[in-house]
């Protein structure tokens, strides 16, 4: 290549890289390196690309080649740190970040009013898990250049890491006001909106990225993560498969897809993916390995192919710091119980389940052990007003039936939903949050507090809620006559919802106390599940 060809090839490679067309960008980067082996930026950006694809060892070699050519360039040291962190080589990662910080500080001493230097310093401090200092550096960059969109976006990311979500949103909004097509700001705002349960807006941000860059991997996987919230698990699977077709080495996407398969009880597919992950995972004490083994343990046939118990015995949670160590101990005990159960070793399985349960209970705040939802009261209210609800329940023949399948945690809601969805004309909605999504949209449009309860909506807001809900469920049901939901969090609102939502129907599942207690005990439960002390006294 001639010098002009090198520059045009490099510019084209960067454009392809930014558009998410990593295979084409990789080809061009390698062509540039073949023509000019000492081209620093080509080595560095190839390493960044390989890291995005999940090829971390190759990425490290490429970035190391860049550093050998130009050891003072901070961005290369930052990239090296990110790769080492992905490889769980955290001490070496910190060393690389500190080297980059030293180089940036030297440059700022020479040119203290360089906005981009303060921005680069903020990035490095963020990588070193020093978000407060990173924010100060970003703000120093913004004092010198108030329209530095990247500094605003990264400041938002640092605020997000500190769980200052409202401030983060303001920072992302300011970045997008300057640069409406900023991918980092759209991604950051989408994540923040997800944390606030503003799923419709988050979905729109990810879709904006995909309109510009259809193959943008982060936008695809975030979009896929949201789709189950709208009852579209099959759409999420299709998107994750497309993401893997684009970047087959990306382990995070495989984990996300395996988790979705497990949620849908498609354990064979989850196990197949997890075996692929396991083949690529390094040290056996990592949480990634344990997660993969948990998916495999759910599929009895896989136990004949792989000695999962032996691999589990090699995992040492003590090598991880808190709170990862405690979570790994719980996961390890639970996964051993799964394996032993599937092998017919029930007494051993029970002991592991008891250990997992005790470890989990020890992590809970005593306040969370209280039963927060008065299920009996809600059912009594519905029962007492059932006759008038028959007359008040709105109907709309153009819309599907909205079927709630409700009951205590581990009462069999998902099992019943699975059976019901096998009937022609029924579409499975899982634990979707459609009501919450519509409620928040109505309140935002009205300029009202997001904490306003449905019972407090004005007549105009109620009419808007019904209209939005109707159009949303019509779209999600895709022609089905019945659309299901098993999210238990709505139970306190059911009397109000029954009078508001057209075609609402409710099924309550009730099990014997002893049976329910057993199912809770056998489930690796979280704070949202029924606590054992309550079950014992019911």
Protein backbone atom coordinates (compact mmCIF):
# COMPACT_ATOMS: atom_id res chain seq x y z
CA UNK A 1 0.00 0.00 0.00
CA UNK A 2 1.04 3.58 -0.70
CA UNK A 3 0.73 6.16 2.13
CA UNK A 4 -2.56 7.44 0.68
CA UNK A 5 -3.92 3.91 0.44
CA UNK A 6 -2.93 3.24 4.05
CA UNK A 7 -4.82 6.28 5.30
CA UNK A 8 -7.96 5.55 3.28
CA UNK A 9 -7.89 1.87 4.32
CA UNK A 10 -7.47 2.83 7.96
CA UNK A 11 -10.29 5.39 7.77
CA UNK A 12 -12.53 2.79 6.15
CA UNK A 13 -11.61 0.18 8.78
CA UNK A 14 -12.48 2.59 11.62
CA UNK A 15 -15.83 3.44 9.98
CA UNK A 16 -16.66 -0.26 9.60
CA UNK A 17 -15.58 -0.87 13.20
CA UNK A 18 -17.85 1.90 14.51
CA UNK A 19 -20.75 0.51 12.45
CA UNK A 20 -20.35 -2.90 14.10
CA UNK A 21 -19.09 -4.63 10.93
CA UNK A 22 -16.22 -6.23 12.78
CA UNK A 23 -15.29 -8.96 10.29
CA UNK A 24 -14.77 -6.42 7.47
CA UNK A 25 -12.93 -4.05 9.79
CA UNK A 26 -10.64 -6.85 10.98
CA UNK A 27 -9.72 -7.73 7.39
CA UNK A 28 -8.72 -4.12 6.68
CA UNK A 29 -6.77 -3.71 9.94
CA UNK A 30 -4.79 -6.84 9.13
CA UNK A 31 -4.15 -5.61 5.58
CA UNK A 32 -2.77 -2.34 6.93
CA UNK A 33 -0.55 -4.20 9.41
CA UNK A 34 0.65 -6.48 6.61
CA UNK A 35 1.72 -3.42 4.59
CA UNK A 36 3.06 -1.46 7.59
CA UNK A 37 3.96 -3.74 10.53
CA UNK A 38 4.87 -0.70 12.65
CA UNK A 39 1.47 1.00 12.23
CA UNK A 40 0.63 1.53 15.92
CA UNK A 41 -3.05 2.45 15.59
CA UNK A 42 -3.84 -0.58 13.43
CA UNK A 43 -2.41 -2.95 16.06
CA UNK A 44 -4.26 -1.16 18.86
CA UNK A 45 -7.66 -0.98 17.15
CA UNK A 46 -7.36 -4.60 16.00
CA UNK A 47 -6.85 -5.52 19.66
CA UNK A 48 -9.94 -3.52 20.67
CA UNK A 49 -11.96 -5.29 17.95
CA UNK A 50 -10.78 -8.74 19.00
CA UNK A 51 -11.67 -7.92 22.61
CA UNK A 52 -15.20 -7.00 21.48
CA UNK A 53 -15.42 -10.37 19.74
CA UNK A 54 -14.38 -12.20 22.90
CA UNK A 55 -10.98 -13.31 21.53
CA UNK A 56 -9.13 -11.96 24.55
CA UNK A 57 -5.79 -13.77 24.19
CA UNK A 58 -5.45 -12.62 20.56
CA UNK A 59 -6.56 -9.12 21.57
CA UNK A 60 -3.86 -8.97 24.26
CA UNK A 61 -1.17 -9.97 21.75
CA UNK A 62 -2.29 -7.25 19.35
CA UNK A 63 -2.39 -4.51 22.00
CA UNK A 64 0.99 -5.62 23.34
CA UNK A 65 2.37 -5.23 19.80
CA UNK A 66 1.00 -1.67 19.75
CA UNK A 67 2.63 -0.86 23.12
CA UNK A 68 5.99 -2.18 21.93
CA UNK A 69 5.79 0.30 19.04
CA UNK A 70 4.57 3.26 21.16
CA UNK A 71 4.80 2.60 24.93
CA UNK A 72 3.62 6.10 25.93
CA UNK A 73 0.13 6.06 24.37
CA UNK A 74 -2.40 5.89 27.25
CA UNK A 75 -5.31 4.42 25.27
CA UNK A 76 -3.34 1.26 24.52
CA UNK A 77 -2.60 0.71 28.22
CA UNK A 78 -6.29 1.26 29.01
CA UNK A 79 -7.30 -1.31 26.37
CA UNK A 80 -4.73 -3.72 27.77
CA UNK A 81 -6.24 -3.28 31.22
CA UNK A 82 -9.75 -4.02 29.96
CA UNK A 83 -8.58 -7.21 28.25
CA UNK A 84 -6.71 -8.40 31.34
CA UNK A 85 -9.80 -7.71 33.47
CA UNK A 86 -11.87 -9.90 31.11
CA UNK A 87 -9.25 -12.62 31.61
CA UNK A 88 -9.62 -12.23 35.41
CA UNK A 89 -6.00 -11.01 35.62
CA UNK A 90 -7.04 -8.04 37.73
CA UNK A 91 -3.68 -7.12 39.31
CA UNK A 92 -2.09 -6.83 35.86
CA UNK A 93 -5.11 -4.85 34.64
CA UNK A 94 -4.68 -2.32 37.47
CA UNK A 95 -0.98 -2.01 36.61
CA UNK A 96 -1.85 -1.18 32.98
CA UNK A 97 -4.42 1.44 34.03
CA UNK A 98 -1.91 3.06 36.38
CA UNK A 99 0.68 3.26 33.60
CA UNK A 100 -1.86 5.00 31.40
CA UNK A 101 -2.73 7.41 34.21
CA UNK A 102 0.96 8.31 34.69
CA UNK A 103 1.27 9.09 30.96
CA UNK A 104 -1.87 11.27 30.99
CA UNK A 105 -0.78 13.18 34.12
CA UNK A 106 2.58 13.91 32.45
CA UNK A 107 0.79 15.27 29.38
CA UNK A 108 -1.53 17.43 31.52
CA UNK A 109 1.41 18.92 33.42
CA UNK A 110 2.74 20.11 30.06
CA UNK A 111 -0.68 21.22 28.73
CA UNK A 112 -3.07 21.71 31.68
CA UNK A 113 -5.84 23.33 29.64
CA UNK A 114 -6.25 20.40 27.25
CA UNK A 115 -9.91 19.32 27.59
CA UNK A 116 -9.34 15.95 25.95
CA UNK A 117 -6.50 15.25 28.40
CA UNK A 118 -8.87 15.66 31.36
CA UNK A 119 -11.41 13.49 29.54
CA UNK A 120 -8.79 10.75 29.03
CA UNK A 121 -7.84 11.03 32.69
CA UNK A 122 -11.49 10.52 33.66
CA UNK A 123 -11.68 7.35 31.57
CA UNK A 124 -8.64 5.93 33.29
CA UNK A 125 -9.90 6.78 36.78
CA UNK A 126 -13.18 5.09 35.92
CA UNK A 127 -11.29 1.97 34.82
CA UNK A 128 -9.50 2.05 38.20
CA UNK A 129 -12.91 2.04 39.96
CA UNK A 130 -12.50 5.64 41.15
CA UNK A 131 -15.75 7.08 39.78
CA UNK A 132 -15.90 10.18 42.03
CA UNK A 133 -12.48 11.32 40.80
CA UNK A 134 -13.45 10.39 37.23
CA UNK A 135 -16.47 12.69 37.44
CA UNK A 136 -14.23 15.55 38.59
CA UNK A 137 -11.95 14.98 35.59
CA UNK A 138 -14.90 14.92 33.17
CA UNK A 139 -16.21 18.14 34.69
CA UNK A 140 -12.76 19.70 34.34
CA UNK A 141 -12.89 18.79 30.64
CA UNK A 142 -16.37 20.32 30.38
CA UNK A 143 -15.25 23.58 31.99
CA UNK A 144 -12.71 23.89 29.19
CA UNK A 145 -15.07 22.61 26.49
CA UNK A 146 -18.78 22.70 27.51
CA UNK A 147 -19.76 20.94 24.28
CA UNK A 148 -17.51 17.92 24.82
CA UNK A 149 -20.24 15.31 24.22
CA UNK A 150 -18.00 12.36 25.09
CA UNK A 151 -17.16 13.88 28.48
CA UNK A 152 -20.87 14.38 29.18
CA UNK A 153 -21.63 10.81 28.15
CA UNK A 154 -18.81 9.30 30.20
CA UNK A 155 -19.73 11.48 33.17
CA UNK A 156 -23.19 9.94 32.89
CA UNK A 157 -21.67 6.44 32.94
CA UNK A 158 -19.66 7.25 36.07
CA UNK A 159 -22.76 8.68 37.78
CA UNK A 160 -24.65 5.55 36.76
CA UNK A 161 -21.96 3.38 38.40
CA UNK A 162 -22.53 5.37 41.61
CA UNK A 163 -26.29 4.68 41.26
CA UNK A 164 -26.98 8.41 40.84
CA UNK A 165 -29.44 7.55 38.10
CA UNK A 166 -31.27 10.89 37.81
CA UNK A 167 -27.98 12.81 37.47
CA UNK A 168 -26.75 10.24 34.95
CA UNK A 169 -29.87 10.72 32.84
CA UNK A 170 -29.36 14.50 32.80
CA UNK A 171 -25.78 13.99 31.65
CA UNK A 172 -26.82 11.59 28.87
CA UNK A 173 -29.58 13.98 27.77
CA UNK A 174 -27.07 16.85 27.61
CA UNK A 175 -24.67 14.73 25.53
CA UNK A 176 -27.48 13.80 23.13
CA UNK A 177 -28.55 17.45 22.81
CA UNK A 178 -25.05 18.15 21.45
CA UNK A 179 -24.57 14.88 19.57
CA UNK A 180 -27.97 13.21 18.89
CA UNK A 181 -26.31 10.17 17.32
CA UNK A 182 -23.92 9.50 20.22
CA UNK A 183 -23.96 5.73 20.61
CA UNK A 184 -22.37 5.76 24.06
CA UNK A 185 -24.95 8.27 25.35
CA UNK A 186 -27.85 6.30 23.85
CA UNK A 187 -26.51 3.07 25.35
CA UNK A 188 -25.94 4.67 28.73
CA UNK A 189 -29.36 6.31 28.79
CA UNK A 190 -30.99 3.05 27.76
CA UNK A 191 -29.36 1.23 30.68
CA UNK A 192 -30.40 3.95 33.12
CA UNK A 193 -33.98 3.87 31.84
CA UNK A 194 -34.03 0.09 32.29
CA UNK A 195 -33.07 0.56 35.94
CA UNK A 196 -36.04 2.88 36.33
CA UNK A 197 -38.38 0.31 34.70
CA UNK A 198 -38.93 2.75 31.82
CA UNK A 199 -38.63 -0.10 29.37
CA UNK A 200 -40.45 1.49 26.44
CA UNK A 201 -38.05 4.46 26.37
CA UNK A 202 -35.02 2.21 26.84
CA UNK A 203 -36.17 0.04 23.95
CA UNK A 204 -36.50 3.17 21.78
CA UNK A 205 -32.88 4.19 22.55
CA UNK A 206 -31.52 0.79 21.57
CA UNK A 207 -33.65 0.82 18.43
CA UNK A 208 -32.22 4.23 17.48
CA UNK A 209 -28.73 2.75 17.64
CA UNK A 210 -29.80 -0.23 15.54
CA UNK A 211 -31.34 2.07 12.92
CA UNK A 212 -27.91 3.68 12.49
CA UNK A 213 -25.83 0.55 13.03
CA UNK A 214 -27.91 -2.63 12.52
CA UNK A 215 -25.02 -4.87 13.62
CA UNK A 216 -24.10 -2.97 16.79
CA UNK A 217 -23.55 -5.85 19.20
CA UNK A 218 -24.24 -4.04 22.51
CA UNK A 219 -27.47 -2.55 21.19
CA UNK A 220 -28.61 -5.96 19.92
CA UNK A 221 -28.03 -7.74 23.23
CA UNK A 222 -29.58 -4.93 25.31
CA UNK A 223 -32.59 -4.88 23.00
CA UNK A 224 -32.84 -8.67 23.36
CA UNK A 225 -32.68 -8.35 27.15
CA UNK A 226 -35.76 -6.11 27.12
CA UNK A 227 -37.97 -8.10 24.76
CA UNK A 228 -39.01 -10.71 27.39
CA UNK A 229 -40.37 -7.82 29.47
CA UNK A 230 -42.85 -7.32 26.65
CA UNK A 231 -43.64 -11.04 26.44
CA UNK A 232 -41.48 -11.60 23.35
CA UNK A 233 -39.03 -14.32 24.41
CA UNK A 234 -38.84 -15.79 20.91
CA UNK A 235 -37.86 -12.40 19.53
CA UNK A 236 -35.12 -12.16 22.17
CA UNK A 237 -33.80 -15.61 21.21
CA UNK A 238 -33.74 -14.63 17.52
CA UNK A 239 -31.79 -11.45 18.30
CA UNK A 240 -29.25 -13.25 20.49
CA UNK A 241 -28.74 -15.86 17.78
CA UNK A 242 -28.11 -13.05 15.30
CA UNK A 243 -25.62 -11.51 17.74
CA UNK A 244 -23.79 -14.84 17.95
CA UNK A 245 -23.80 -15.19 14.17
CA UNK A 246 -22.09 -11.79 14.00
CA UNK A 247 -19.69 -12.49 16.88
CA UNK A 248 -19.53 -16.24 17.59
CA UNK A 249 -16.71 -15.87 20.13
CA UNK A 250 -18.60 -13.50 22.42
CA UNK A 251 -19.12 -15.41 25.66
CA UNK A 252 -21.43 -12.85 27.30
CA UNK A 253 -24.00 -13.33 24.56
CA UNK A 254 -23.84 -17.11 24.99
CA UNK A 255 -24.44 -16.71 28.73
CA UNK A 256 -27.43 -14.44 28.07
CA UNK A 257 -28.94 -16.90 25.59
CA UNK A 258 -28.27 -19.88 27.88
CA UNK A 259 -30.00 -18.05 30.73
CA UNK A 260 -33.01 -17.33 28.53
CA UNK A 261 -33.20 -20.98 27.47
CA UNK A 262 -33.10 -22.04 31.14
CA UNK A 263 -35.87 -19.58 32.00
CA UNK A 264 -37.98 -21.18 29.26
CA UNK A 265 -37.16 -24.70 30.56
CA UNK A 266 -35.27 -25.45 27.34
CA UNK A 267 -32.48 -27.09 29.30
CA UNK A 268 -30.93 -29.10 26.45
CA UNK A 269 -30.22 -25.93 24.48
CA UNK A 270 -28.93 -24.16 27.58
CA UNK A 271 -26.62 -27.10 28.32
CA UNK A 272 -25.26 -27.19 24.75
CA UNK A 273 -24.33 -23.50 24.90
CA UNK A 274 -22.88 -23.88 28.39
CA UNK A 275 -20.59 -26.70 27.26
CA UNK A 276 -19.25 -24.39 24.56
CA UNK A 277 -18.68 -21.72 27.21
CA UNK A 278 -16.97 -24.20 29.51
CA UNK A 279 -14.57 -25.23 26.77
CA UNK A 280 -13.41 -21.60 26.52
CA UNK A 281 -13.37 -20.71 30.22
CA UNK A 282 -10.02 -20.47 31.97
CA UNK A 283 -9.68 -20.88 35.71
CA UNK A 284 -12.27 -23.15 37.32
CA UNK A 285 -12.79 -20.90 40.31
CA UNK A 286 -14.40 -18.19 38.18
CA UNK A 287 -18.12 -17.41 38.57
CA UNK A 288 -18.45 -17.84 34.78
CA UNK A 289 -17.50 -21.51 35.03
CA UNK A 290 -19.96 -22.07 37.86
CA UNK A 291 -22.80 -20.43 35.91
CA UNK A 292 -22.07 -22.67 32.92
CA UNK A 293 -22.05 -25.79 35.12
CA UNK A 294 -25.39 -24.76 36.68
CA UNK A 295 -27.03 -24.68 33.24
CA UNK A 296 -25.51 -28.08 32.42
CA UNK A 297 -26.69 -29.55 35.73
CA UNK A 298 -30.31 -28.80 34.82
CA UNK A 299 -30.07 -31.20 31.87
CA UNK A 300 -29.81 -34.81 33.14
CA UNK A 301 -28.56 -36.20 29.83
CA UNK A 302 -25.51 -33.92 29.96
CA UNK A 303 -24.40 -35.52 33.23
CA UNK A 304 -23.54 -38.71 31.32
CA UNK A 305 -21.20 -36.75 29.05
CA UNK A 306 -19.46 -34.62 31.65
CA UNK A 307 -18.40 -35.29 35.24
CA UNK A 308 -20.00 -32.12 36.58
CA UNK A 309 -19.53 -33.08 40.23
CA UNK A 310 -15.79 -33.48 39.75
CA UNK A 311 -15.60 -30.05 38.09
CA UNK A 312 -17.67 -28.51 40.88
CA UNK A 313 -15.30 -29.95 43.48
CA UNK A 314 -12.43 -28.08 41.80
CA UNK A 315 -14.12 -24.70 42.25
CA UNK A 316 -12.85 -22.74 45.26
CA UNK A 317 -15.08 -19.73 46.13
CA UNK A 318 -12.56 -18.62 48.77
CA UNK A 319 -10.35 -17.25 45.99
CA UNK A 320 -12.99 -14.59 45.19
CA UNK A 321 -13.66 -11.43 47.15
CA UNK A 322 -16.96 -10.64 48.90
CA UNK A 323 -19.79 -10.49 47.90
CA UNK A 324 -18.86 -12.72 44.94
CA UNK A 325 -17.49 -15.39 47.29
CA UNK A 326 -20.76 -15.76 49.22
CA UNK A 327 -22.85 -15.87 46.06
CA UNK A 328 -20.53 -18.53 44.60
CA UNK A 329 -20.89 -20.63 47.77
CA UNK A 330 -24.68 -20.53 47.41
CA UNK A 331 -24.55 -21.34 43.68
CA UNK A 332 -22.08 -24.15 44.27
CA UNK A 333 -24.25 -25.83 46.92
CA UNK A 334 -27.37 -25.44 44.80
CA UNK A 335 -25.73 -26.81 41.64
CA UNK A 336 -24.39 -29.83 43.51
CA UNK A 337 -27.93 -30.45 44.72
CA UNK A 338 -29.21 -30.32 41.14
CA UNK A 339 -26.61 -32.81 39.94
CA UNK A 340 -27.17 -35.25 42.80
CA UNK A 341 -30.93 -35.00 42.37
CA UNK A 342 -30.68 -35.81 38.67
CA UNK A 343 -28.42 -38.75 39.53
CA UNK A 344 -31.01 -40.12 41.96
CA UNK A 345 -28.88 -39.38 45.03
CA UNK A 346 -31.70 -37.67 46.90
CA UNK A 347 -30.31 -37.64 50.45
CA UNK A 348 -27.08 -36.00 49.28
CA UNK A 349 -29.10 -33.57 47.15
CA UNK A 350 -31.26 -32.61 50.12
CA UNK A 351 -28.22 -31.83 52.28
CA UNK A 352 -26.84 -29.57 49.54
CA UNK A 353 -30.21 -27.83 49.20
CA UNK A 354 -30.32 -27.25 52.95
CA UNK A 355 -26.82 -25.75 52.84
CA UNK A 356 -27.71 -23.49 49.90
CA UNK A 357 -30.84 -22.35 51.70
CA UNK A 358 -29.03 -21.58 54.96
CA UNK A 359 -26.29 -19.67 53.14
CA UNK A 360 -28.86 -17.62 51.27
CA UNK A 361 -30.91 -16.84 54.36
CA UNK A 362 -27.76 -15.60 56.11
CA UNK A 363 -27.33 -12.92 53.42
CA UNK A 364 -30.83 -11.47 53.82
CA UNK A 365 -31.59 -8.37 55.82
CA UNK A 366 -33.98 -9.33 58.66
CA UNK A 367 -36.46 -6.74 57.36
CA UNK A 368 -36.70 -8.54 54.03
CA UNK A 369 -37.81 -11.70 55.79
CA UNK A 370 -41.20 -10.10 56.40
CA UNK A 371 -44.03 -11.08 54.09
CA UNK A 372 -44.77 -7.76 52.37
CA UNK A 373 -47.77 -8.71 50.24
CA UNK A 374 -51.08 -9.54 51.92
CA UNK A 375 -52.19 -12.18 49.45
CA UNK A 376 -55.05 -13.34 51.62
CA UNK A 377 -56.37 -9.78 51.94
CA UNK A 378 -56.19 -9.21 48.18
CA UNK A 379 -58.00 -12.47 47.47
CA UNK A 380 -60.63 -11.64 50.08
CA UNK A 381 -61.24 -8.22 48.49
CA UNK A 382 -61.64 -9.82 45.08
CA UNK A 383 -63.92 -12.50 46.45
CA UNK A 384 -66.15 -9.99 48.24
CA UNK A 385 -66.56 -7.86 45.13
CA UNK A 386 -66.71 -10.72 42.59
CA UNK A 387 -70.41 -10.26 41.88
CA UNK A 388 -70.09 -6.58 41.08
CA UNK A 389 -66.88 -7.17 39.10
CA UNK A 390 -68.81 -9.41 36.75
CA UNK A 391 -70.93 -6.39 35.86
CA UNK A 392 -68.12 -3.82 35.98
CA UNK A 393 -65.42 -5.77 34.13
CA UNK A 394 -64.86 -3.92 30.84
CA UNK A 395 -64.80 -5.91 27.61
CA UNK A 396 -63.54 -5.31 24.10
CA UNK A 397 -64.09 -8.00 21.51
CA UNK A 398 -61.23 -6.67 19.38
CA UNK A 399 -58.67 -7.32 22.12
CA UNK A 400 -57.38 -10.67 23.49
CA UNK A 401 -58.14 -11.90 26.99
CA UNK A 402 -55.45 -10.74 29.44
CA UNK A 403 -55.01 -13.84 31.64
CA UNK A 404 -53.31 -13.46 35.03
CA UNK A 405 -51.99 -16.71 36.50
CA UNK A 406 -51.13 -15.85 40.08
CA UNK A 407 -50.08 -17.55 43.27
CA UNK A 408 -47.30 -17.81 45.80
CA UNK A 409 -43.71 -18.21 44.71
CA UNK A 410 -43.06 -21.78 43.48
CA UNK A 411 -46.79 -22.52 43.38
CA UNK A 412 -46.67 -23.78 39.79
CA UNK A 413 -47.58 -20.62 37.82
CA UNK A 414 -45.05 -21.25 35.05
CA UNK A 415 -46.05 -24.91 34.76
CA UNK A 416 -49.71 -23.98 34.34
CA UNK A 417 -48.83 -21.22 31.88
CA UNK A 418 -46.82 -23.71 29.83
CA UNK A 419 -49.83 -26.04 29.65
CA UNK A 420 -52.25 -23.23 28.81
CA UNK A 421 -49.99 -21.85 26.06
CA UNK A 422 -50.06 -25.23 24.30
CA UNK A 423 -53.71 -24.50 23.44
CA UNK A 424 -54.15 -22.94 19.97
CA UNK A 425 -54.88 -19.23 20.22
CA UNK A 426 -52.95 -18.68 23.48
CA UNK A 427 -49.69 -16.70 23.50
CA UNK A 428 -47.39 -17.02 26.48
CA UNK A 429 -46.43 -13.67 28.05
CA UNK A 430 -44.27 -14.89 30.99
CA UNK A 431 -43.58 -12.38 33.79
CA UNK A 432 -44.00 -9.35 31.54
CA UNK A 433 -44.36 -5.82 32.95
CA UNK A 434 -46.77 -4.44 30.38
CA UNK A 435 -49.00 -2.78 33.00
CA UNK A 436 -46.05 -1.05 34.63
CA UNK A 437 -44.67 0.11 31.28
CA UNK A 438 -48.02 1.63 30.27
CA UNK A 439 -48.59 3.20 33.71
CA UNK A 440 -45.24 4.99 33.67
CA UNK A 441 -45.75 6.22 30.11
CA UNK A 442 -49.14 7.71 31.04
CA UNK A 443 -47.67 9.45 34.09
CA UNK A 444 -44.73 10.88 32.11
CA UNK A 445 -47.08 12.24 29.48
CA UNK A 446 -49.13 13.89 32.24
CA UNK A 447 -46.01 15.24 33.98
CA UNK A 448 -46.88 13.34 37.16
CA UNK A 449 -44.73 11.47 39.67
CA UNK A 450 -43.73 8.00 38.53
CA UNK A 451 -44.75 6.70 41.97
CA UNK A 452 -48.43 7.56 41.42
CA UNK A 453 -50.59 4.47 41.94
CA UNK A 454 -53.06 3.30 39.30
CA UNK A 455 -55.91 3.97 41.73
CA UNK A 456 -54.88 7.65 41.79
CA UNK A 457 -55.07 8.19 38.01
CA UNK A 458 -57.45 10.93 36.84
CA UNK A 459 -60.33 9.98 34.50
CA UNK A 460 -58.34 11.32 31.53
CA UNK A 461 -55.25 9.36 32.58
CA UNK A 462 -57.33 6.21 33.03
CA UNK A 463 -58.72 6.60 29.53
CA UNK A 464 -55.21 7.07 28.17
CA UNK A 465 -54.04 3.99 30.12
CA UNK A 466 -56.80 1.83 28.62
CA UNK A 467 -56.02 3.10 25.11
CA UNK A 468 -52.27 2.49 25.39
CA UNK A 469 -52.71 -0.86 27.07
CA UNK A 470 -55.11 -2.00 24.38
CA UNK A 471 -52.78 -1.10 21.51
CA UNK A 472 -49.80 -2.69 23.31
CA UNK A 473 -51.51 -5.99 24.10
CA UNK A 474 -52.97 -6.17 20.58
CA UNK A 475 -49.45 -5.88 19.17
CA UNK A 476 -47.87 -8.34 21.60
CA UNK A 477 -50.56 -10.99 21.26
CA UNK A 478 -49.94 -11.11 17.51
CA UNK A 479 -53.44 -12.31 16.72
CA UNK A 480 -53.79 -14.68 19.70
CA UNK A 481 -57.08 -14.77 21.60
CA UNK A 482 -55.42 -15.05 25.03
CA UNK A 483 -52.21 -13.44 26.34
CA UNK A 484 -50.84 -14.62 29.69
CA UNK A 485 -48.92 -13.02 32.55
CA UNK A 486 -47.46 -14.64 35.69
CA UNK A 487 -45.81 -11.62 37.37
CA UNK A 488 -46.93 -11.84 41.05
CA UNK A 489 -46.17 -8.18 41.86
CA UNK A 490 -49.55 -7.04 40.53
CA UNK A 491 -51.62 -8.91 43.09
CA UNK A 492 -52.21 -5.90 45.37
CA UNK A 493 -53.57 -3.90 42.42
CA UNK A 494 -55.89 -6.56 41.04
CA UNK A 495 -59.21 -5.15 42.28
CA UNK A 496 -58.40 -1.84 40.58
CA UNK A 497 -56.98 -3.47 37.45
CA UNK A 498 -60.03 -5.73 37.14
CA UNK A 499 -62.23 -2.65 36.73
CA UNK A 500 -59.80 -0.93 34.36
CA UNK A 501 -58.38 -3.45 31.90
CA UNK A 502 -60.67 -4.90 29.23
CA UNK A 503 -61.04 -8.69 29.14
CA UNK A 504 -59.04 -9.28 32.33
CA UNK A 505 -59.31 -12.78 33.80
CA UNK A 506 -57.57 -14.09 36.93
CA UNK A 507 -56.51 -17.60 37.95
CA UNK A 508 -55.20 -18.14 41.49
CA UNK A 509 -53.11 -21.22 42.26
CA UNK A 510 -53.27 -22.60 45.77
CA UNK A 511 -51.11 -25.43 47.10
CA UNK A 512 -50.91 -27.15 50.46
CA UNK A 513 -48.70 -25.37 52.99
CA UNK A 514 -46.32 -28.32 53.36
CA UNK A 515 -46.00 -28.70 49.58
CA UNK A 516 -45.44 -24.96 49.12
CA UNK A 517 -42.83 -24.88 51.88
CA UNK A 518 -41.00 -27.77 50.20
CA UNK A 519 -41.02 -26.07 46.79
CA UNK A 520 -39.64 -22.84 48.26
CA UNK A 521 -36.98 -24.78 50.10
CA UNK A 522 -35.93 -26.53 46.89
CA UNK A 523 -35.69 -23.29 44.97
CA UNK A 524 -32.63 -21.08 44.97
CA UNK A 525 -34.79 -18.17 46.02
CA UNK A 526 -34.11 -14.44 46.09
CA UNK A 527 -35.54 -11.60 48.17
CA UNK A 528 -38.62 -11.50 45.98
CA UNK A 529 -39.64 -15.04 46.94
CA UNK A 530 -41.61 -16.12 49.99
CA UNK A 531 -39.30 -16.37 53.04
CA UNK A 532 -39.19 -19.67 54.90
CA UNK A 533 -40.17 -18.36 58.36
CA UNK A 534 -43.41 -17.01 56.90
CA UNK A 535 -44.21 -20.24 55.06
CA UNK A 536 -43.71 -22.23 58.23
CA UNK A 537 -46.30 -20.14 60.09
CA UNK A 538 -48.94 -19.91 57.34
